[in-house]
Amino acid sequence: MDVVEIVQRQVDAYNAHDLDRFVATYSDSVRIYRMPSAEPVISGKAQMTEAYRARLSTPGLHAEILARIVLGNKVIDHERIRGITDQLVEALAIYEVAAGLIETVWFFYPGPPIPLPNRS
């Protein structure tokens, strides 16, 4: 499976609100950054699963890919997300794929970052 298919599977699972399929596209040691922070906001699949459990149960949650660039093992998506806040949220996401799984994600926002998923 190529890097685009892996990232698209993740987007499709997100939009289907399917937590198991969503986290299955990530490595056990996944790290997620909200730039410009040098420290990850999420480290590891277990933390990611808990962080996204509530978000993926949100009615109306949907990510639209506005543009996609692929460079080697990196997929860069310009995303528009509905359902996280009352407003549409736009972000740039860079997904790094290794050994068939998403290993690292960097999120960039044009304004204040979106709220973290609930960690309940």
Protein backbone atom coordinates (compact mmCIF):
# COMPACT_ATOMS: atom_id res chain seq x y z
CA MET A 1 0.00 0.00 0.00
CA ASP A 2 1.42 3.41 -0.88
CA VAL A 3 1.56 6.47 1.38
CA VAL A 4 -1.47 8.13 -0.23
CA GLU A 5 -3.62 5.05 0.36
CA ILE A 6 -2.56 4.90 4.01
CA VAL A 7 -3.35 8.57 4.66
CA GLN A 8 -6.63 8.34 2.71
CA ARG A 9 -7.67 5.31 4.80
CA GLN A 10 -7.09 7.46 7.89
CA VAL A 11 -9.25 10.29 6.44
CA ASP A 12 -12.00 7.84 5.46
CA ALA A 13 -12.02 6.27 8.95
CA TYR A 14 -12.12 9.76 10.55
CA ASN A 15 -15.11 10.71 8.41
CA ALA A 16 -16.82 7.39 9.19
CA HIS A 17 -16.23 8.05 12.92
CA ASP A 18 -14.60 4.62 13.14
CA LEU A 19 -12.04 4.84 15.95
CA ASP A 20 -10.62 1.34 15.45
CA ARG A 21 -10.01 1.81 11.71
CA PHE A 22 -8.65 5.32 12.36
CA VAL A 23 -6.01 4.32 14.92
CA ALA A 24 -5.11 1.20 12.90
CA THR A 25 -3.44 3.51 10.36
CA TYR A 26 -0.99 4.82 12.99
CA SER A 27 2.15 3.25 14.44
CA ASP A 28 2.31 2.34 18.13
CA SER A 29 4.88 5.12 18.62
CA VAL A 30 2.98 7.85 16.72
CA ARG A 31 3.79 11.46 17.61
CA ILE A 32 1.47 14.38 16.81
CA TYR A 33 2.69 17.98 16.90
CA ARG A 34 0.79 21.27 16.84
CA MET A 35 3.28 23.65 15.35
CA PRO A 36 5.26 25.64 16.33
CA SER A 37 5.60 23.45 19.45
CA ALA A 38 8.72 21.30 19.57
CA GLU A 39 6.98 18.81 21.90
CA PRO A 40 4.29 16.40 20.72
CA VAL A 41 0.76 16.90 22.04
CA ILE A 42 0.10 13.19 21.58
CA SER A 43 2.68 10.42 21.97
CA GLY A 44 1.80 6.81 21.28
CA LYS A 45 -1.22 4.99 19.94
CA ALA A 46 -2.78 4.46 23.39
CA GLN A 47 -2.83 8.20 24.11
CA MET A 48 -4.09 8.91 20.60
CA THR A 49 -6.93 6.39 20.98
CA GLU A 50 -8.12 8.05 24.18
CA ALA A 51 -7.70 11.56 22.76
CA TYR A 52 -9.79 10.80 19.65
CA ARG A 53 -12.49 8.64 21.27
CA ALA A 54 -14.77 11.61 22.05
CA ARG A 55 -13.92 13.55 18.89
CA LEU A 56 -14.89 10.72 16.58
CA SER A 57 -18.25 10.39 18.34
CA THR A 58 -19.09 14.04 17.52
CA PRO A 59 -22.06 14.27 15.13
CA GLY A 60 -21.30 16.25 11.99
CA LEU A 61 -17.55 15.73 12.24
CA HIS A 62 -16.08 15.69 8.72
CA ALA A 63 -12.70 16.44 7.17
CA GLU A 64 -12.52 17.62 3.57
CA ILE A 65 -9.21 17.48 1.72
CA LEU A 66 -8.82 20.70 -0.29
CA ALA A 67 -5.39 19.89 -1.71
CA ARG A 68 -2.82 17.13 -1.40
CA ILE A 69 0.91 17.01 -2.13
CA VAL A 70 3.03 13.88 -1.93
CA LEU A 71 6.79 13.96 -1.48
CA GLY A 72 8.48 10.64 -0.77
CA ASN A 73 7.03 9.24 2.45
CA LYS A 74 5.26 12.51 3.33
CA VAL A 75 1.65 13.42 2.47
CA ILE A 76 0.72 17.07 2.92
CA ASP A 77 -3.01 17.80 3.16
CA HIS A 78 -4.81 21.12 3.26
CA GLU A 79 -7.83 20.15 5.35
CA ARG A 80 -11.15 21.81 6.17
CA ILE A 81 -12.83 20.26 9.21
CA ARG A 82 -16.44 20.64 10.30
CA GLY A 83 -17.80 19.69 13.69
CA ILE A 84 -14.90 20.48 16.01
CA THR A 85 -16.02 24.04 16.73
CA ASP A 86 -18.94 26.17 15.53
CA GLN A 87 -16.68 27.45 12.74
CA LEU A 88 -14.98 25.61 9.92
CA VAL A 89 -11.38 24.86 10.83
CA GLU A 90 -8.62 24.84 8.24
CA ALA A 91 -5.30 23.16 8.82
CA LEU A 92 -2.25 21.93 7.03
CA ALA A 93 -1.35 18.38 8.05
CA ILE A 94 1.91 16.70 7.18
CA TYR A 95 1.79 12.92 7.59
CA GLU A 96 5.02 10.93 7.66
CA VAL A 97 4.56 7.25 6.81
CA ALA A 98 7.04 4.51 7.77
CA ALA A 99 6.62 0.74 7.42
CA GLY A 100 3.04 1.15 6.19
CA LEU A 101 1.79 3.26 9.13
CA ILE A 102 1.57 6.95 9.98
CA GLU A 103 4.51 7.63 12.30
CA THR A 104 4.44 11.42 12.74
CA VAL A 105 1.92 14.21 12.08
CA TRP A 106 2.56 17.96 12.14
CA PHE A 107 -0.49 20.26 12.21
CA PHE A 108 -0.27 23.92 11.20
CA TYR A 109 -3.15 26.39 11.68
CA PRO A 110 -3.60 29.87 10.18
CA GLY A 111 -4.88 31.16 13.52
CA PRO A 112 -5.21 29.72 17.00
CA PRO A 113 -4.99 25.91 16.99
CA ILE A 114 -8.15 23.89 17.32
CA PRO A 115 -8.92 22.45 20.74
CA LEU A 116 -7.31 19.14 21.59
CA PRO A 117 -9.61 16.13 21.56
CA ASN A 118 -11.04 15.41 25.00
CA ARG A 119 -8.88 13.03 26.97
CA SER A 120 -11.59 11.40 29.00
